């Protein structure tokens, strides 16, 4: 038993069981996309602050967390399109979207596809350019020619990843257990499909960036050894209505530095109540 404010439930979207959690209803809505290899519980440290005045919905995208996956939706572009199906299924029209990590590319594709749907976008800690280097272990996950080892050693990979990423911020037992369960068996290797499309998908996204007019805040952790801050700088130079914040934190800033992270998100929401691009 835990006292988490997050109480996951599921909804069927396009034939897939999607896991999500939501806060109390408010007039303003925000969609939070789970980072990888985590789940909706990644937002537990920021939940109370983000939900104070906004109805927040945290979602495990298909193939991540404990949502069902399918190969055709495990690319940034198709995940972005799936965001709109999730919003339709939940009866949400205009929202803020927060997409850390793998949610960075999905959020930007979603904003490019239906710009009028989002008041604002907050992204960061996610691969943005096919030409910029990624750190480990992500670089290996993207480029390793054979993923058989990952199919057979998911628990080892997950344990090492969590131990290395969270040395100074121990995860609560129920959160760690959920992360491990979310990528057990073949789940981790299957989820790798998404980042392994980066070489082609990020090039396609680059062409769309100058046309995304939605206000975008890019939060780039200064000590991110998985996705270097250069990826955030790359986006800031190409998104016409963006702000770049380089913060003293590691890759998983939403758990390592939840108060600064929540403060940046809330500030962006306050600045951008509406989206006039309908």
C-alpha atoms as a PDB file:
ATOM      1  CA  UNK A   1       0.000   0.000   0.000  1.00  0.00           C
ATOM      2  CA  UNK A   2       1.279   3.483  -0.861  1.00  0.00           C
ATOM      3  CA  UNK A   3      -0.004   7.023  -0.518  1.00  0.00           C
ATOM      4  CA  UNK A   4       0.600   7.987  -4.115  1.00  0.00           C
ATOM      5  CA  UNK A   5      -1.698  10.654  -5.562  1.00  0.00           C
ATOM      6  CA  UNK A   6      -1.554   8.686  -8.813  1.00  0.00           C
ATOM      7  CA  UNK A   7      -4.327   6.126  -9.301  1.00  0.00           C
ATOM      8  CA  UNK A   8      -3.909   4.556 -12.727  1.00  0.00           C
ATOM      9  CA  UNK A   9      -6.831   3.408 -14.837  1.00  0.00           C
ATOM     10  CA  UNK A  10      -7.207   2.376 -18.462  1.00  0.00           C
ATOM     11  CA  UNK A  11      -9.076   3.378 -21.573  1.00  0.00           C
ATOM     12  CA  UNK A  12      -9.252   1.683 -24.977  1.00  0.00           C
ATOM     13  CA  UNK A  13      -7.915   3.833 -27.806  1.00  0.00           C
ATOM     14  CA  UNK A  14      -7.677   2.520 -31.380  1.00  0.00           C
ATOM     15  CA  UNK A  15      -7.897  -1.045 -30.067  1.00  0.00           C
ATOM     16  CA  UNK A  16      -5.097  -0.599 -27.520  1.00  0.00           C
ATOM     17  CA  UNK A  17      -5.427  -0.509 -23.738  1.00  0.00           C
ATOM     18  CA  UNK A  18      -3.876   2.781 -22.629  1.00  0.00           C
ATOM     19  CA  UNK A  19      -3.000   3.479 -19.004  1.00  0.00           C
ATOM     20  CA  UNK A  20      -3.489   6.950 -17.595  1.00  0.00           C
ATOM     21  CA  UNK A  21      -4.034   8.813 -14.351  1.00  0.00           C
ATOM     22  CA  UNK A  22      -5.825  12.094 -13.781  1.00  0.00           C
ATOM     23  CA  UNK A  23      -6.297  14.717 -11.119  1.00  0.00           C
ATOM     24  CA  UNK A  24      -9.420  16.584 -10.040  1.00  0.00           C
ATOM     25  CA  UNK A  25     -11.382  18.238 -12.829  1.00  0.00           C
ATOM     26  CA  UNK A  26     -10.554  21.896 -13.553  1.00  0.00           C
ATOM     27  CA  UNK A  27     -11.350  24.339 -16.329  1.00  0.00           C
ATOM     28  CA  UNK A  28      -7.837  24.053 -17.806  1.00  0.00           C
ATOM     29  CA  UNK A  29      -6.390  20.731 -18.931  1.00  0.00           C
ATOM     30  CA  UNK A  30      -2.874  19.375 -19.446  1.00  0.00           C
ATOM     31  CA  UNK A  31      -1.642  16.118 -20.935  1.00  0.00           C
ATOM     32  CA  UNK A  32       1.602  14.689 -19.532  1.00  0.00           C
ATOM     33  CA  UNK A  33       3.454  12.044 -21.583  1.00  0.00           C
ATOM     34  CA  UNK A  34       5.469   9.534 -19.559  1.00  0.00           C
ATOM     35  CA  UNK A  35       9.239   9.464 -20.082  1.00  0.00           C
ATOM     36  CA  UNK A  36      11.153   6.268 -20.907  1.00  0.00           C
ATOM     37  CA  UNK A  37      11.913   3.831 -19.355  1.00  0.00           C
ATOM     38  CA  UNK A  38       9.440   5.043 -16.754  1.00  0.00           C
ATOM     39  CA  UNK A  39       5.675   5.463 -16.489  1.00  0.00           C
ATOM     40  CA  UNK A  40       2.956   7.787 -15.218  1.00  0.00           C
ATOM     41  CA  UNK A  41       4.585   7.515 -11.789  1.00  0.00           C
ATOM     42  CA  UNK A  42       7.427   9.719 -13.055  1.00  0.00           C
ATOM     43  CA  UNK A  43       5.119  12.664 -12.355  1.00  0.00           C
ATOM     44  CA  UNK A  44       4.474  11.737  -8.738  1.00  0.00           C
ATOM     45  CA  UNK A  45       6.996  14.287  -7.328  1.00  0.00           C
ATOM     46  CA  UNK A  46       5.391  17.145  -9.307  1.00  0.00           C
ATOM     47  CA  UNK A  47       1.773  15.966  -9.172  1.00  0.00           C
ATOM     48  CA  UNK A  48       0.472  18.108  -6.299  1.00  0.00           C
ATOM     49  CA  UNK A  49       1.907  21.337  -7.691  1.00  0.00           C
ATOM     50  CA  UNK A  50       0.866  20.724 -11.293  1.00  0.00           C
ATOM     51  CA  UNK A  51      -2.645  19.663 -10.268  1.00  0.00           C
ATOM     52  CA  UNK A  52      -3.306  22.607  -7.926  1.00  0.00           C
ATOM     53  CA  UNK A  53      -5.203  24.613 -10.538  1.00  0.00           C
ATOM     54  CA  UNK A  54      -5.111  22.437 -13.664  1.00  0.00           C
ATOM     55  CA  UNK A  55      -6.749  19.117 -14.540  1.00  0.00           C
ATOM     56  CA  UNK A  56      -3.732  16.973 -15.421  1.00  0.00           C
ATOM     57  CA  UNK A  57      -3.822  13.666 -17.253  1.00  0.00           C
ATOM     58  CA  UNK A  58      -0.647  11.576 -17.292  1.00  0.00           C
ATOM     59  CA  UNK A  59      -0.486   8.951 -20.031  1.00  0.00           C
ATOM     60  CA  UNK A  60       1.727   5.998 -20.871  1.00  0.00           C
ATOM     61  CA  UNK A  61       1.997   6.207 -24.661  1.00  0.00           C
ATOM     62  CA  UNK A  62       1.448   2.896 -26.521  1.00  0.00           C
ATOM     63  CA  UNK A  63       4.348   0.523 -25.839  1.00  0.00           C
ATOM     64  CA  UNK A  64       5.558   2.506 -22.821  1.00  0.00           C
ATOM     65  CA  UNK A  65       4.801   2.142 -19.142  1.00  0.00           C
ATOM     66  CA  UNK A  66       1.934  -0.309 -18.952  1.00  0.00           C
ATOM     67  CA  UNK A  67       0.054   0.686 -22.090  1.00  0.00           C
ATOM     68  CA  UNK A  68      -0.315  -1.880 -24.831  1.00  0.00           C
ATOM     69  CA  UNK A  69       2.002  -1.379 -27.764  1.00  0.00           C
ATOM     70  CA  UNK A  70       1.914  -2.027 -31.481  1.00  0.00           C
ATOM     71  CA  UNK A  71       4.735  -1.542 -34.000  1.00  0.00           C
ATOM     72  CA  UNK A  72       2.805   0.939 -36.144  1.00  0.00           C
ATOM     73  CA  UNK A  73       2.502   3.468 -33.289  1.00  0.00           C
ATOM     74  CA  UNK A  74       6.059   3.159 -31.982  1.00  0.00           C
ATOM     75  CA  UNK A  75       7.582   6.067 -33.873  1.00  0.00           C
ATOM     76  CA  UNK A  76       7.604   9.749 -32.864  1.00  0.00           C
ATOM     77  CA  UNK A  77       5.341  10.704 -35.785  1.00  0.00           C
ATOM     78  CA  UNK A  78       2.718   8.009 -35.154  1.00  0.00           C
ATOM     79  CA  UNK A  79       2.921   8.538 -31.394  1.00  0.00           C
ATOM     80  CA  UNK A  80       2.181  12.215 -32.044  1.00  0.00           C
ATOM     81  CA  UNK A  81      -0.884  11.237 -34.058  1.00  0.00           C
ATOM     82  CA  UNK A  82      -1.922   8.875 -31.273  1.00  0.00           C
ATOM     83  CA  UNK A  83      -1.837  11.774 -28.799  1.00  0.00           C
ATOM     84  CA  UNK A  84      -4.810  13.240 -30.652  1.00  0.00           C
ATOM     85  CA  UNK A  85      -6.679   9.920 -30.480  1.00  0.00           C
ATOM     86  CA  UNK A  86      -6.073   9.827 -26.726  1.00  0.00           C
ATOM     87  CA  UNK A  87      -7.389  13.370 -26.338  1.00  0.00           C
ATOM     88  CA  UNK A  88     -10.455  12.487 -28.419  1.00  0.00           C
ATOM     89  CA  UNK A  89     -11.106   9.378 -26.311  1.00  0.00           C
ATOM     90  CA  UNK A  90     -10.855  11.417 -23.117  1.00  0.00           C
ATOM     91  CA  UNK A  91     -13.098  14.157 -24.479  1.00  0.00           C
ATOM     92  CA  UNK A  92     -10.416  16.839 -24.265  1.00  0.00           C
ATOM     93  CA  UNK A  93     -10.233  19.624 -26.845  1.00  0.00           C
ATOM     94  CA  UNK A  94      -7.515  22.167 -26.062  1.00  0.00           C
ATOM     95  CA  UNK A  95      -4.743  21.276 -23.618  1.00  0.00           C
ATOM     96  CA  UNK A  96      -1.247  22.101 -22.528  1.00  0.00           C
ATOM     97  CA  UNK A  97       1.113  19.219 -23.307  1.00  0.00           C
ATOM     98  CA  UNK A  98       4.200  18.225 -21.326  1.00  0.00           C
ATOM     99  CA  UNK A  99       6.428  15.721 -23.083  1.00  0.00           C
ATOM    100  CA  UNK A 100       9.780  15.002 -21.444  1.00  0.00           C
ATOM    101  CA  UNK A 101      12.245  12.482 -22.875  1.00  0.00           C
ATOM    102  CA  UNK A 102      10.600  10.436 -25.674  1.00  0.00           C
ATOM    103  CA  UNK A 103       7.615  12.762 -25.316  1.00  0.00           C
ATOM    104  CA  UNK A 104       9.712  15.566 -26.808  1.00  0.00           C
ATOM    105  CA  UNK A 105       9.493  14.326 -30.383  1.00  0.00           C
ATOM    106  CA  UNK A 106       5.926  12.992 -29.980  1.00  0.00           C
ATOM    107  CA  UNK A 107       4.729  16.354 -28.628  1.00  0.00           C
ATOM    108  CA  UNK A 108       6.341  18.288 -31.468  1.00  0.00           C
ATOM    109  CA  UNK A 109       4.853  16.017 -34.121  1.00  0.00           C
ATOM    110  CA  UNK A 110       1.452  16.359 -32.410  1.00  0.00           C
ATOM    111  CA  UNK A 111       1.772  20.147 -32.413  1.00  0.00           C
ATOM    112  CA  UNK A 112       2.769  20.135 -36.079  1.00  0.00           C
ATOM    113  CA  UNK A 113      -0.192  17.926 -36.986  1.00  0.00           C
ATOM    114  CA  UNK A 114      -2.887  19.912 -35.127  1.00  0.00           C
ATOM    115  CA  UNK A 115      -1.403  23.197 -33.894  1.00  0.00           C
ATOM    116  CA  UNK A 116      -4.695  24.621 -32.661  1.00  0.00           C
ATOM    117  CA  UNK A 117      -5.132  21.908 -30.075  1.00  0.00           C
ATOM    118  CA  UNK A 118      -2.365  22.998 -27.715  1.00  0.00           C
ATOM    119  CA  UNK A 119      -2.175  26.081 -25.531  1.00  0.00           C
ATOM    120  CA  UNK A 120       1.511  25.367 -24.989  1.00  0.00           C
ATOM    121  CA  UNK A 121       4.191  22.683 -25.110  1.00  0.00           C
ATOM    122  CA  UNK A 122       6.874  21.838 -22.539  1.00  0.00           C
ATOM    123  CA  UNK A 123       9.583  19.410 -23.644  1.00  0.00           C
ATOM    124  CA  UNK A 124      13.211  18.474 -22.949  1.00  0.00           C
ATOM    125  CA  UNK A 125      15.617  15.613 -22.201  1.00  0.00           C
ATOM    126  CA  UNK A 126      14.640  14.100 -25.547  1.00  0.00           C
ATOM    127  CA  UNK A 127      16.508  13.413 -28.776  1.00  0.00           C
ATOM    128  CA  UNK A 128      15.956  16.261 -31.238  1.00  0.00           C
ATOM    129  CA  UNK A 129      18.532  15.970 -34.006  1.00  0.00           C
ATOM    130  CA  UNK A 130      19.775  12.969 -35.955  1.00  0.00           C
ATOM    131  CA  UNK A 131      23.097  14.758 -36.415  1.00  0.00           C
ATOM    132  CA  UNK A 132      23.868  15.408 -32.736  1.00  0.00           C
ATOM    133  CA  UNK A 133      25.436  12.805 -30.486  1.00  0.00           C
ATOM    134  CA  UNK A 134      23.452  11.023 -27.819  1.00  0.00           C
ATOM    135  CA  UNK A 135      24.951   9.824 -24.554  1.00  0.00           C
ATOM    136  CA  UNK A 136      24.868   6.346 -23.134  1.00  0.00           C
ATOM    137  CA  UNK A 137      22.959   4.168 -22.704  1.00  0.00           C
ATOM    138  CA  UNK A 138      20.619   5.794 -25.232  1.00  0.00           C
ATOM    139  CA  UNK A 139      23.161   5.917 -28.068  1.00  0.00           C
ATOM    140  CA  UNK A 140      23.597   2.157 -27.859  1.00  0.00           C
ATOM    141  CA  UNK A 141      19.879   1.544 -27.694  1.00  0.00           C
ATOM    142  CA  UNK A 142      19.446   3.534 -30.900  1.00  0.00           C
ATOM    143  CA  UNK A 143      22.315   2.003 -32.870  1.00  0.00           C
ATOM    144  CA  UNK A 144      22.995  -1.541 -31.629  1.00  0.00           C
ATOM    145  CA  UNK A 145      22.545  -3.769 -34.698  1.00  0.00           C
ATOM    146  CA  UNK A 146      21.058  -6.675 -32.712  1.00  0.00           C
ATOM    147  CA  UNK A 147      18.551  -6.235 -29.889  1.00  0.00           C
ATOM    148  CA  UNK A 148      18.356  -9.948 -28.997  1.00  0.00           C
ATOM    149  CA  UNK A 149      20.389  -9.363 -25.838  1.00  0.00           C
ATOM    150  CA  UNK A 150      17.875  -6.740 -24.672  1.00  0.00           C
ATOM    151  CA  UNK A 151      15.011  -9.153 -25.267  1.00  0.00           C
ATOM    152  CA  UNK A 152      16.673 -11.653 -22.948  1.00  0.00           C
ATOM    153  CA  UNK A 153      18.036  -9.309 -20.281  1.00  0.00           C
ATOM    154  CA  UNK A 154      15.379  -6.653 -19.732  1.00  0.00           C
ATOM    155  CA  UNK A 155      15.553  -6.831 -15.942  1.00  0.00           C
ATOM    156  CA  UNK A 156      19.336  -6.392 -15.964  1.00  0.00           C
ATOM    157  CA  UNK A 157      19.090  -3.405 -18.308  1.00  0.00           C
ATOM    158  CA  UNK A 158      16.332  -1.765 -16.284  1.00  0.00           C
ATOM    159  CA  UNK A 159      18.018  -2.309 -12.933  1.00  0.00           C
ATOM    160  CA  UNK A 160      21.311  -0.872 -14.192  1.00  0.00           C
ATOM    161  CA  UNK A 161      19.541   2.075 -15.814  1.00  0.00           C
ATOM    162  CA  UNK A 162      17.587   2.963 -12.689  1.00  0.00           C
ATOM    163  CA  UNK A 163      20.622   2.506 -10.438  1.00  0.00           C
ATOM    164  CA  UNK A 164      22.761   4.741 -12.654  1.00  0.00           C
ATOM    165  CA  UNK A 165      20.180   7.452 -13.235  1.00  0.00           C
ATOM    166  CA  UNK A 166      18.933   7.765  -9.679  1.00  0.00           C
ATOM    167  CA  UNK A 167      22.003   7.459  -7.437  1.00  0.00           C
ATOM    168  CA  UNK A 168      21.127  10.527  -5.384  1.00  0.00           C
ATOM    169  CA  UNK A 169      17.342  10.355  -5.541  1.00  0.00           C
ATOM    170  CA  UNK A 170      16.163   6.898  -4.445  1.00  0.00           C
ATOM    171  CA  UNK A 171      12.904   5.856  -6.051  1.00  0.00           C
ATOM    172  CA  UNK A 172       9.994   4.892  -3.833  1.00  0.00           C
ATOM    173  CA  UNK A 173       9.489   1.136  -3.824  1.00  0.00           C
ATOM    174  CA  UNK A 174       6.112   1.269  -5.594  1.00  0.00           C
ATOM    175  CA  UNK A 175       7.564   3.505  -8.323  1.00  0.00           C
ATOM    176  CA  UNK A 176      10.602   1.341  -8.912  1.00  0.00           C
ATOM    177  CA  UNK A 177       8.439  -1.790  -9.003  1.00  0.00           C
ATOM    178  CA  UNK A 178       6.141  -0.189 -11.566  1.00  0.00           C
ATOM    179  CA  UNK A 179       9.060   0.801 -13.794  1.00  0.00           C
ATOM    180  CA  UNK A 180      10.514  -2.714 -13.648  1.00  0.00           C
ATOM    181  CA  UNK A 181       7.124  -4.331 -14.331  1.00  0.00           C
ATOM    182  CA  UNK A 182       6.419  -1.951 -17.199  1.00  0.00           C
ATOM    183  CA  UNK A 183       9.436  -3.181 -19.191  1.00  0.00           C
ATOM    184  CA  UNK A 184       9.634  -6.825 -18.108  1.00  0.00           C
ATOM    185  CA  UNK A 185      10.078  -9.659 -20.585  1.00  0.00           C
ATOM    186  CA  UNK A 186      10.123  -8.407 -24.166  1.00  0.00           C
ATOM    187  CA  UNK A 187       8.540  -5.063 -23.260  1.00  0.00           C
ATOM    188  CA  UNK A 188      11.820  -3.166 -23.028  1.00  0.00           C
ATOM    189  CA  UNK A 189      13.151  -4.431 -26.356  1.00  0.00           C
ATOM    190  CA  UNK A 190       9.820  -3.667 -28.021  1.00  0.00           C
ATOM    191  CA  UNK A 191       9.857  -0.118 -26.652  1.00  0.00           C
ATOM    192  CA  UNK A 192      13.293   0.379 -28.210  1.00  0.00           C
ATOM    193  CA  UNK A 193      11.595   0.472 -31.613  1.00  0.00           C
ATOM    194  CA  UNK A 194      10.678   4.094 -30.922  1.00  0.00           C
ATOM    195  CA  UNK A 195      14.174   5.504 -30.428  1.00  0.00           C
ATOM    196  CA  UNK A 196      15.625   3.282 -33.133  1.00  0.00           C
ATOM    197  CA  UNK A 197      13.629   5.320 -35.649  1.00  0.00           C
ATOM    198  CA  UNK A 198      15.372   8.546 -34.556  1.00  0.00           C
ATOM    199  CA  UNK A 199      17.817   8.645 -37.520  1.00  0.00           C
ATOM    200  CA  UNK A 200      14.923   9.066 -39.971  1.00  0.00           C
ATOM    201  CA  UNK A 201      12.149  10.473 -37.781  1.00  0.00           C
ATOM    202  CA  UNK A 202      14.192  13.332 -36.335  1.00  0.00           C
ATOM    203  CA  UNK A 203      15.252  14.423 -39.817  1.00  0.00           C
ATOM    204  CA  UNK A 204      11.600  14.605 -40.820  1.00  0.00           C
ATOM    205  CA  UNK A 205      10.775  16.520 -37.645  1.00  0.00           C
ATOM    206  CA  UNK A 206      13.559  19.040 -38.322  1.00  0.00           C
ATOM    207  CA  UNK A 207      11.799  20.113 -41.510  1.00  0.00           C
ATOM    208  CA  UNK A 208       8.613  20.862 -39.534  1.00  0.00           C
ATOM    209  CA  UNK A 209      10.113  22.826 -36.655  1.00  0.00           C
ATOM    210  CA  UNK A 210      10.058  26.309 -38.279  1.00  0.00           C
ATOM    211  CA  UNK A 211       6.305  25.966 -38.883  1.00  0.00           C
ATOM    212  CA  UNK A 212       5.370  25.080 -35.282  1.00  0.00           C
ATOM    213  CA  UNK A 213       3.927  28.297 -33.846  1.00  0.00           C
ATOM    214  CA  UNK A 214       2.694  26.856 -30.540  1.00  0.00           C
ATOM    215  CA  UNK A 215       4.650  28.326 -27.581  1.00  0.00           C
ATOM    216  CA  UNK A 216       7.326  25.765 -26.636  1.00  0.00           C
ATOM    217  CA  UNK A 217       9.409  25.766 -23.446  1.00  0.00           C
ATOM    218  CA  UNK A 218      12.495  23.561 -23.710  1.00  0.00           C
ATOM    219  CA  UNK A 219      13.926  22.406 -20.381  1.00  0.00           C
ATOM    220  CA  UNK A 220      17.472  21.121 -20.901  1.00  0.00           C
ATOM    221  CA  UNK A 221      19.246  19.651 -17.869  1.00  0.00           C
ATOM    222  CA  UNK A 222      22.819  20.942 -17.822  1.00  0.00           C
ATOM    223  CA  UNK A 223      24.229  17.652 -16.510  1.00  0.00           C
ATOM    224  CA  UNK A 224      22.230  15.424 -18.832  1.00  0.00           C
ATOM    225  CA  UNK A 225      24.637  12.707 -19.994  1.00  0.00           C
ATOM    226  CA  UNK A 226      21.915  10.809 -21.875  1.00  0.00           C
ATOM    227  CA  UNK A 227      20.630  13.622 -24.102  1.00  0.00           C
ATOM    228  CA  UNK A 228      23.148  16.499 -24.047  1.00  0.00           C
ATOM    229  CA  UNK A 229      21.813  20.089 -23.808  1.00  0.00           C
ATOM    230  CA  UNK A 230      22.875  20.631 -27.421  1.00  0.00           C
ATOM    231  CA  UNK A 231      19.616  18.930 -28.423  1.00  0.00           C
ATOM    232  CA  UNK A 232      17.656  21.602 -26.582  1.00  0.00           C
ATOM    233  CA  UNK A 233      19.731  24.326 -28.189  1.00  0.00           C
ATOM    234  CA  UNK A 234      19.053  22.755 -31.592  1.00  0.00           C
ATOM    235  CA  UNK A 235      15.291  23.014 -31.014  1.00  0.00           C
ATOM    236  CA  UNK A 236      15.459  26.553 -29.644  1.00  0.00           C
ATOM    237  CA  UNK A 237      17.283  27.722 -32.762  1.00  0.00           C
ATOM    238  CA  UNK A 238      14.540  26.364 -35.031  1.00  0.00           C
ATOM    239  CA  UNK A 239      11.258  26.732 -33.149  1.00  0.00           C
ATOM    240  CA  UNK A 240      10.024  30.290 -33.784  1.00  0.00           C
ATOM    241  CA  UNK A 241       8.074  30.684 -30.522  1.00  0.00           C
ATOM    242  CA  UNK A 242      10.287  28.964 -27.979  1.00  0.00           C
ATOM    243  CA  UNK A 243      12.185  29.474 -24.752  1.00  0.00           C
ATOM    244  CA  UNK A 244      15.238  27.478 -23.654  1.00  0.00           C
ATOM    245  CA  UNK A 245      15.968  26.915 -19.966  1.00  0.00           C
ATOM    246  CA  UNK A 246      19.206  25.129 -19.068  1.00  0.00           C
ATOM    247  CA  UNK A 247      18.827  23.876 -15.506  1.00  0.00           C
ATOM    248  CA  UNK A 248      21.395  22.437 -13.104  1.00  0.00           C
ATOM    249  CA  UNK A 249      20.127  18.852 -13.035  1.00  0.00           C
ATOM    250  CA  UNK A 250      20.581  15.438 -14.592  1.00  0.00           C
ATOM    251  CA  UNK A 251      18.546  13.731 -17.311  1.00  0.00           C
ATOM    252  CA  UNK A 252      15.491  12.842 -15.211  1.00  0.00           C
ATOM    253  CA  UNK A 253      15.022  16.377 -13.896  1.00  0.00           C
ATOM    254  CA  UNK A 254      11.303  15.884 -13.079  1.00  0.00           C
ATOM    255  CA  UNK A 255      12.359  13.452 -10.340  1.00  0.00           C
ATOM    256  CA  UNK A 256      15.783  14.837  -9.449  1.00  0.00           C
ATOM    257  CA  UNK A 257      14.682  18.477  -9.216  1.00  0.00           C
ATOM    258  CA  UNK A 258      10.867  18.364  -9.099  1.00  0.00           C
ATOM    259  CA  UNK A 259      10.291  21.831  -7.619  1.00  0.00           C
ATOM    260  CA  UNK A 260      12.296  23.768 -10.260  1.00  0.00           C
ATOM    261  CA  UNK A 261      10.755  21.580 -12.965  1.00  0.00           C
ATOM    262  CA  UNK A 262       7.189  22.145 -11.768  1.00  0.00           C
ATOM    263  CA  UNK A 263       7.879  25.873 -11.405  1.00  0.00           C
ATOM    264  CA  UNK A 264       8.990  26.129 -15.041  1.00  0.00           C
ATOM    265  CA  UNK A 265       5.956  24.177 -16.253  1.00  0.00           C
ATOM    266  CA  UNK A 266       3.491  26.241 -14.216  1.00  0.00           C
ATOM    267  CA  UNK A 267       5.084  29.499 -15.338  1.00  0.00           C
ATOM    268  CA  UNK A 268       4.679  28.465 -18.976  1.00  0.00           C
ATOM    269  CA  UNK A 269       1.060  27.482 -18.425  1.00  0.00           C
ATOM    270  CA  UNK A 270       0.387  30.834 -16.748  1.00  0.00           C
ATOM    271  CA  UNK A 271       1.880  32.696 -19.695  1.00  0.00           C
ATOM    272  CA  UNK A 272      -0.101  30.790 -22.297  1.00  0.00           C
ATOM    273  CA  UNK A 273      -3.720  30.304 -21.228  1.00  0.00           C
ATOM    274  CA  UNK A 274      -5.076  30.112 -24.745  1.00  0.00           C
ATOM    275  CA  UNK A 275      -4.000  29.249 -28.257  1.00  0.00           C
ATOM    276  CA  UNK A 276      -5.412  31.564 -30.898  1.00  0.00           C
ATOM    277  CA  UNK A 277      -4.210  29.367 -33.775  1.00  0.00           C
ATOM    278  CA  UNK A 278      -7.475  27.511 -34.429  1.00  0.00           C
END
